[in-house]
Amino acid sequence: MSDPAVTIRRVEPADYPAIQRWQNDPEVFALMDYERPFSAADIAASEQNAADEGVPFVIEAGGAPIGRIGLNQFRARDRTASLYVYIGERSAWGSGYGRAALDLILRYAFETLNLRLVQLWTLAHNERAIHLYKAVGFVEEARLRDRSFIEGHFVDHIVMSVTSEEFSARSGL
């Protein structure tokens, strides 16, 4: 799947070193709410689990991998799934690649997988992500108080979702 500037493709074992580097980047690590650093074995196991339970993708810009995006926690009866995303390459931050990747995966979720709703959660202080999610149609559903203990204090989670109808209306489909 692609957009003029961005492509998403299935994760391959050759991507594991980049994924490990991204996930261990202090800022990515903090915003993704990871609990401990990742070893190469952790990444291999995590990516196998992601493939077994969902659809994991690498985000590419100009043919180079820059981040991860995927869907998991599928509920077939309800036609829902959860989304995760991050841009790991700092040089790609603020370039619009995250939004393009979100458009691609939401089109895939709604048009190919026939999902009705995609949901996610993020840390309440991750304002850049919340702004991005709202820009592609996500609506804030809830604030879960004190869900993560980070740097000596508890942080809220924000739960958001977008329906196929909301995404279609926003994207003009």
C-alpha atoms as a PDB file:
ATOM      1  CA  MET A   1       0.000   0.000   0.000  1.00  0.00           C
ATOM      2  CA  SER A   2       1.319   3.406  -0.788  1.00  0.00           C
ATOM      3  CA  ASP A   3       0.794   7.131  -0.928  1.00  0.00           C
ATOM      4  CA  PRO A   4       3.037   9.373  -3.058  1.00  0.00           C
ATOM      5  CA  ALA A   5       5.471   9.812  -0.166  1.00  0.00           C
ATOM      6  CA  VAL A   6       4.807   6.790   2.045  1.00  0.00           C
ATOM      7  CA  THR A   7       4.480   3.034   1.713  1.00  0.00           C
ATOM      8  CA  ILE A   8       3.499   0.492   4.319  1.00  0.00           C
ATOM      9  CA  ARG A   9       4.643  -3.084   3.932  1.00  0.00           C
ATOM     10  CA  ARG A  10       4.721  -6.197   6.095  1.00  0.00           C
ATOM     11  CA  VAL A  11       7.541  -6.423   8.640  1.00  0.00           C
ATOM     12  CA  GLU A  12      10.459  -8.664   7.642  1.00  0.00           C
ATOM     13  CA  PRO A  13      13.249 -10.094   9.853  1.00  0.00           C
ATOM     14  CA  ALA A  14      15.688  -7.715   8.142  1.00  0.00           C
ATOM     15  CA  ASP A  15      13.715  -4.857   9.780  1.00  0.00           C
ATOM     16  CA  TYR A  16      14.358  -6.086  13.324  1.00  0.00           C
ATOM     17  CA  PRO A  17      17.613  -4.126  13.946  1.00  0.00           C
ATOM     18  CA  ALA A  18      15.923  -0.836  12.940  1.00  0.00           C
ATOM     19  CA  ILE A  19      12.859  -1.655  15.048  1.00  0.00           C
ATOM     20  CA  GLN A  20      15.100  -2.390  18.027  1.00  0.00           C
ATOM     21  CA  ARG A  21      16.942   0.915  17.545  1.00  0.00           C
ATOM     22  CA  TRP A  22      13.675   2.854  17.235  1.00  0.00           C
ATOM     23  CA  GLN A  23      12.013   1.228  20.236  1.00  0.00           C
ATOM     24  CA  ASN A  24      15.075   1.869  22.390  1.00  0.00           C
ATOM     25  CA  ASP A  25      15.272   5.545  21.365  1.00  0.00           C
ATOM     26  CA  PRO A  26      14.551   7.366  24.652  1.00  0.00           C
ATOM     27  CA  GLU A  27      11.794   9.587  23.250  1.00  0.00           C
ATOM     28  CA  VAL A  28      10.038   6.825  21.302  1.00  0.00           C
ATOM     29  CA  PHE A  29      10.438   4.546  24.319  1.00  0.00           C
ATOM     30  CA  ALA A  30       8.796   7.096  26.627  1.00  0.00           C
ATOM     31  CA  LEU A  31       5.909   8.016  24.308  1.00  0.00           C
ATOM     32  CA  MET A  32       5.107   4.375  23.509  1.00  0.00           C
ATOM     33  CA  ASP A  33       5.061   3.644  27.263  1.00  0.00           C
ATOM     34  CA  TYR A  34       7.487   0.735  27.060  1.00  0.00           C
ATOM     35  CA  GLU A  35       8.585  -0.734  30.397  1.00  0.00           C
ATOM     36  CA  ARG A  36      12.141  -1.860  29.668  1.00  0.00           C
ATOM     37  CA  PRO A  37      14.746  -1.759  26.884  1.00  0.00           C
ATOM     38  CA  PHE A  38      14.458  -4.266  24.051  1.00  0.00           C
ATOM     39  CA  SER A  39      17.044  -6.900  23.146  1.00  0.00           C
ATOM     40  CA  ALA A  40      17.266  -8.427  19.667  1.00  0.00           C
ATOM     41  CA  ALA A  41      15.503 -11.530  21.036  1.00  0.00           C
ATOM     42  CA  ASP A  42      12.718  -9.326  22.475  1.00  0.00           C
ATOM     43  CA  ILE A  43      12.135  -7.744  19.072  1.00  0.00           C
ATOM     44  CA  ALA A  44      12.053 -11.107  17.275  1.00  0.00           C
ATOM     45  CA  ALA A  45       9.533 -12.485  19.781  1.00  0.00           C
ATOM     46  CA  SER A  46       7.443  -9.308  19.739  1.00  0.00           C
ATOM     47  CA  GLU A  47       7.321  -9.210  15.941  1.00  0.00           C
ATOM     48  CA  GLN A  48       6.356 -12.893  15.763  1.00  0.00           C
ATOM     49  CA  ASN A  49       3.570 -12.206  18.248  1.00  0.00           C
ATOM     50  CA  ALA A  50       2.474  -9.150  16.231  1.00  0.00           C
ATOM     51  CA  ALA A  51       2.278 -11.277  13.076  1.00  0.00           C
ATOM     52  CA  ASP A  52       0.401 -14.073  14.875  1.00  0.00           C
ATOM     53  CA  GLU A  53      -2.165 -11.700  16.399  1.00  0.00           C
ATOM     54  CA  GLY A  54      -2.485  -8.915  13.859  1.00  0.00           C
ATOM     55  CA  VAL A  55      -1.103  -7.171  10.809  1.00  0.00           C
ATOM     56  CA  PRO A  56       2.243  -5.453  11.479  1.00  0.00           C
ATOM     57  CA  PHE A  57       3.715  -3.059   8.924  1.00  0.00           C
ATOM     58  CA  VAL A  58       6.856  -1.001   8.454  1.00  0.00           C
ATOM     59  CA  ILE A  59       6.384   2.584   7.286  1.00  0.00           C
ATOM     60  CA  GLU A  60       8.741   3.566   4.464  1.00  0.00           C
ATOM     61  CA  ALA A  61       9.488   6.996   3.002  1.00  0.00           C
ATOM     62  CA  GLY A  62      11.603   7.208  -0.122  1.00  0.00           C
ATOM     63  CA  GLY A  63      12.157   3.452   0.107  1.00  0.00           C
ATOM     64  CA  ALA A  64      13.736   3.681   3.580  1.00  0.00           C
ATOM     65  CA  PRO A  65      12.096   2.272   6.722  1.00  0.00           C
ATOM     66  CA  ILE A  66      11.138   5.034   9.164  1.00  0.00           C
ATOM     67  CA  GLY A  67       8.630   3.516  11.579  1.00  0.00           C
ATOM     68  CA  ARG A  68       5.978   0.963  12.490  1.00  0.00           C
ATOM     69  CA  ILE A  69       2.223   0.778  12.197  1.00  0.00           C
ATOM     70  CA  GLY A  70      -0.204  -2.059  12.608  1.00  0.00           C
ATOM     71  CA  LEU A  71      -3.518  -3.440  13.720  1.00  0.00           C
ATOM     72  CA  ASN A  72      -4.165  -6.007  16.448  1.00  0.00           C
ATOM     73  CA  GLN A  73      -6.772  -7.028  19.022  1.00  0.00           C
ATOM     74  CA  PHE A  74      -9.254  -7.895  16.275  1.00  0.00           C
ATOM     75  CA  ARG A  75     -12.836  -8.608  17.305  1.00  0.00           C
ATOM     76  CA  ALA A  76     -14.444 -10.253  14.266  1.00  0.00           C
ATOM     77  CA  ARG A  77     -17.992 -10.148  15.605  1.00  0.00           C
ATOM     78  CA  ASP A  78     -17.747  -6.422  16.309  1.00  0.00           C
ATOM     79  CA  ARG A  79     -15.551  -5.630  13.266  1.00  0.00           C
ATOM     80  CA  THR A  80     -13.066  -3.686  15.412  1.00  0.00           C
ATOM     81  CA  ALA A  81      -9.306  -3.595  15.868  1.00  0.00           C
ATOM     82  CA  SER A  82      -6.691  -1.592  17.755  1.00  0.00           C
ATOM     83  CA  LEU A  83      -4.043   0.524  16.059  1.00  0.00           C
ATOM     84  CA  TYR A  84      -0.436   1.282  17.005  1.00  0.00           C
ATOM     85  CA  VAL A  85       1.992   3.600  15.230  1.00  0.00           C
ATOM     86  CA  TYR A  86       5.263   5.437  15.678  1.00  0.00           C
ATOM     87  CA  ILE A  87       7.848   7.126  13.482  1.00  0.00           C
ATOM     88  CA  GLY A  88      11.187   5.877  14.767  1.00  0.00           C
ATOM     89  CA  GLU A  89      13.577   7.813  12.546  1.00  0.00           C
ATOM     90  CA  ARG A  90      14.038  11.215  14.137  1.00  0.00           C
ATOM     91  CA  SER A  91      14.944  12.743  10.756  1.00  0.00           C
ATOM     92  CA  ALA A  92      11.412  11.858   9.571  1.00  0.00           C
ATOM     93  CA  TRP A  93       9.601  13.516  12.498  1.00  0.00           C
ATOM     94  CA  GLY A  94       7.319  16.385  11.524  1.00  0.00           C
ATOM     95  CA  SER A  95       7.342  15.492   7.820  1.00  0.00           C
ATOM     96  CA  GLY A  96       3.730  14.320   7.516  1.00  0.00           C
ATOM     97  CA  TYR A  97       4.695  10.667   7.124  1.00  0.00           C
ATOM     98  CA  GLY A  98       2.699   9.588  10.174  1.00  0.00           C
ATOM     99  CA  ARG A  99      -0.473  11.110   8.795  1.00  0.00           C
ATOM    100  CA  ALA A 100       0.070   9.503   5.391  1.00  0.00           C
ATOM    101  CA  ALA A 101       0.693   6.125   7.046  1.00  0.00           C
ATOM    102  CA  LEU A 102      -2.455   6.502   9.162  1.00  0.00           C
ATOM    103  CA  ASP A 103      -4.491   7.262   6.030  1.00  0.00           C
ATOM    104  CA  LEU A 104      -3.100   4.131   4.380  1.00  0.00           C
ATOM    105  CA  ILE A 105      -3.773   1.789   7.277  1.00  0.00           C
ATOM    106  CA  LEU A 106      -7.255   3.187   7.895  1.00  0.00           C
ATOM    107  CA  ARG A 107      -8.134   2.689   4.220  1.00  0.00           C
ATOM    108  CA  TYR A 108      -6.839  -0.869   4.548  1.00  0.00           C
ATOM    109  CA  ALA A 109      -8.811  -1.419   7.769  1.00  0.00           C
ATOM    110  CA  PHE A 110     -12.089  -0.102   6.403  1.00  0.00           C
ATOM    111  CA  GLU A 111     -11.922  -0.975   2.691  1.00  0.00           C
ATOM    112  CA  THR A 112      -9.999  -4.269   2.693  1.00  0.00           C
ATOM    113  CA  LEU A 113     -10.667  -5.733   6.142  1.00  0.00           C
ATOM    114  CA  ASN A 114     -14.212  -4.309   6.316  1.00  0.00           C
ATOM    115  CA  LEU A 115     -13.748  -3.097   9.875  1.00  0.00           C
ATOM    116  CA  ARG A 116     -16.356  -0.805  11.392  1.00  0.00           C
ATOM    117  CA  LEU A 117     -14.163   0.861  14.037  1.00  0.00           C
ATOM    118  CA  VAL A 118     -10.455   1.296  14.812  1.00  0.00           C
ATOM    119  CA  GLN A 119      -9.399   2.298  18.309  1.00  0.00           C
ATOM    120  CA  LEU A 120      -6.175   3.281  20.059  1.00  0.00           C
ATOM    121  CA  TRP A 121      -4.824   4.720  23.268  1.00  0.00           C
ATOM    122  CA  THR A 122      -2.039   7.176  23.883  1.00  0.00           C
ATOM    123  CA  LEU A 123      -0.479   8.908  26.858  1.00  0.00           C
ATOM    124  CA  ALA A 124      -2.464  12.029  27.752  1.00  0.00           C
ATOM    125  CA  HIS A 125       0.604  14.275  27.483  1.00  0.00           C
ATOM    126  CA  ASN A 126       1.405  13.111  23.925  1.00  0.00           C
ATOM    127  CA  GLU A 127      -0.218  16.188  22.399  1.00  0.00           C
ATOM    128  CA  ARG A 128       1.467  15.786  19.010  1.00  0.00           C
ATOM    129  CA  ALA A 129      -0.034  12.305  18.594  1.00  0.00           C
ATOM    130  CA  ILE A 130      -3.476  13.373  19.818  1.00  0.00           C
ATOM    131  CA  HIS A 131      -3.480  16.247  17.309  1.00  0.00           C
ATOM    132  CA  LEU A 132      -2.507  13.843  14.512  1.00  0.00           C
ATOM    133  CA  TYR A 133      -5.166  11.289  15.450  1.00  0.00           C
ATOM    134  CA  LYS A 134      -7.855  13.980  15.485  1.00  0.00           C
ATOM    135  CA  ALA A 135      -6.665  15.218  12.077  1.00  0.00           C
ATOM    136  CA  VAL A 136      -7.402  11.821  10.509  1.00  0.00           C
ATOM    137  CA  GLY A 137     -10.801  11.533  12.193  1.00  0.00           C
ATOM    138  CA  PHE A 138     -10.243   9.927  15.602  1.00  0.00           C
ATOM    139  CA  VAL A 139     -12.529  11.101  18.402  1.00  0.00           C
ATOM    140  CA  GLU A 140     -11.596  11.080  22.074  1.00  0.00           C
ATOM    141  CA  GLU A 141     -13.774   8.574  23.918  1.00  0.00           C
ATOM    142  CA  ALA A 142     -12.312   8.420  27.402  1.00  0.00           C
ATOM    143  CA  ARG A 143      -9.565   9.405  29.782  1.00  0.00           C
ATOM    144  CA  LEU A 144      -8.297   6.488  31.856  1.00  0.00           C
ATOM    145  CA  ARG A 145      -6.814   7.966  34.995  1.00  0.00           C
ATOM    146  CA  ASP A 146      -3.391   7.034  36.365  1.00  0.00           C
ATOM    147  CA  ARG A 147      -2.739   4.147  33.951  1.00  0.00           C
ATOM    148  CA  SER A 148       1.044   4.403  33.595  1.00  0.00           C
ATOM    149  CA  PHE A 149       3.732   5.185  36.174  1.00  0.00           C
ATOM    150  CA  ILE A 150       6.353   7.265  34.360  1.00  0.00           C
ATOM    151  CA  GLU A 151       9.297   9.122  35.882  1.00  0.00           C
ATOM    152  CA  GLY A 152       7.886   9.078  39.386  1.00  0.00           C
ATOM    153  CA  HIS A 153       4.243   9.936  38.701  1.00  0.00           C
ATOM    154  CA  PHE A 154       1.096   8.467  37.213  1.00  0.00           C
ATOM    155  CA  VAL A 155      -0.044   9.471  33.722  1.00  0.00           C
ATOM    156  CA  ASP A 156      -3.504   9.214  32.171  1.00  0.00           C
ATOM    157  CA  HIS A 157      -4.289   7.390  28.933  1.00  0.00           C
ATOM    158  CA  ILE A 158      -6.540   8.856  26.258  1.00  0.00           C
ATOM    159  CA  VAL A 159      -8.708   6.341  24.360  1.00  0.00           C
ATOM    160  CA  MET A 160      -9.731   7.341  20.840  1.00  0.00           C
ATOM    161  CA  SER A 161     -11.558   5.733  17.933  1.00  0.00           C
ATOM    162  CA  VAL A 162     -12.719   6.366  14.391  1.00  0.00           C
ATOM    163  CA  THR A 163     -15.546   4.613  12.557  1.00  0.00           C
ATOM    164  CA  SER A 164     -15.546   3.733   8.888  1.00  0.00           C
ATOM    165  CA  GLU A 165     -18.273   6.360   8.324  1.00  0.00           C
ATOM    166  CA  GLU A 166     -16.292   9.076  10.092  1.00  0.00           C
ATOM    167  CA  PHE A 167     -13.152   8.249   8.148  1.00  0.00           C
ATOM    168  CA  SER A 168     -15.039   8.153   4.833  1.00  0.00           C
ATOM    169  CA  ALA A 169     -16.650  11.515   5.515  1.00  0.00           C
ATOM    170  CA  ARG A 170     -13.313  13.081   6.440  1.00  0.00           C
ATOM    171  CA  SER A 171     -11.370  11.594   3.553  1.00  0.00           C
ATOM    172  CA  GLY A 172     -14.069  12.087   0.918  1.00  0.00           C
ATOM    173  CA  LEU A 173     -14.433   8.374   0.114  1.00  0.00           C
END
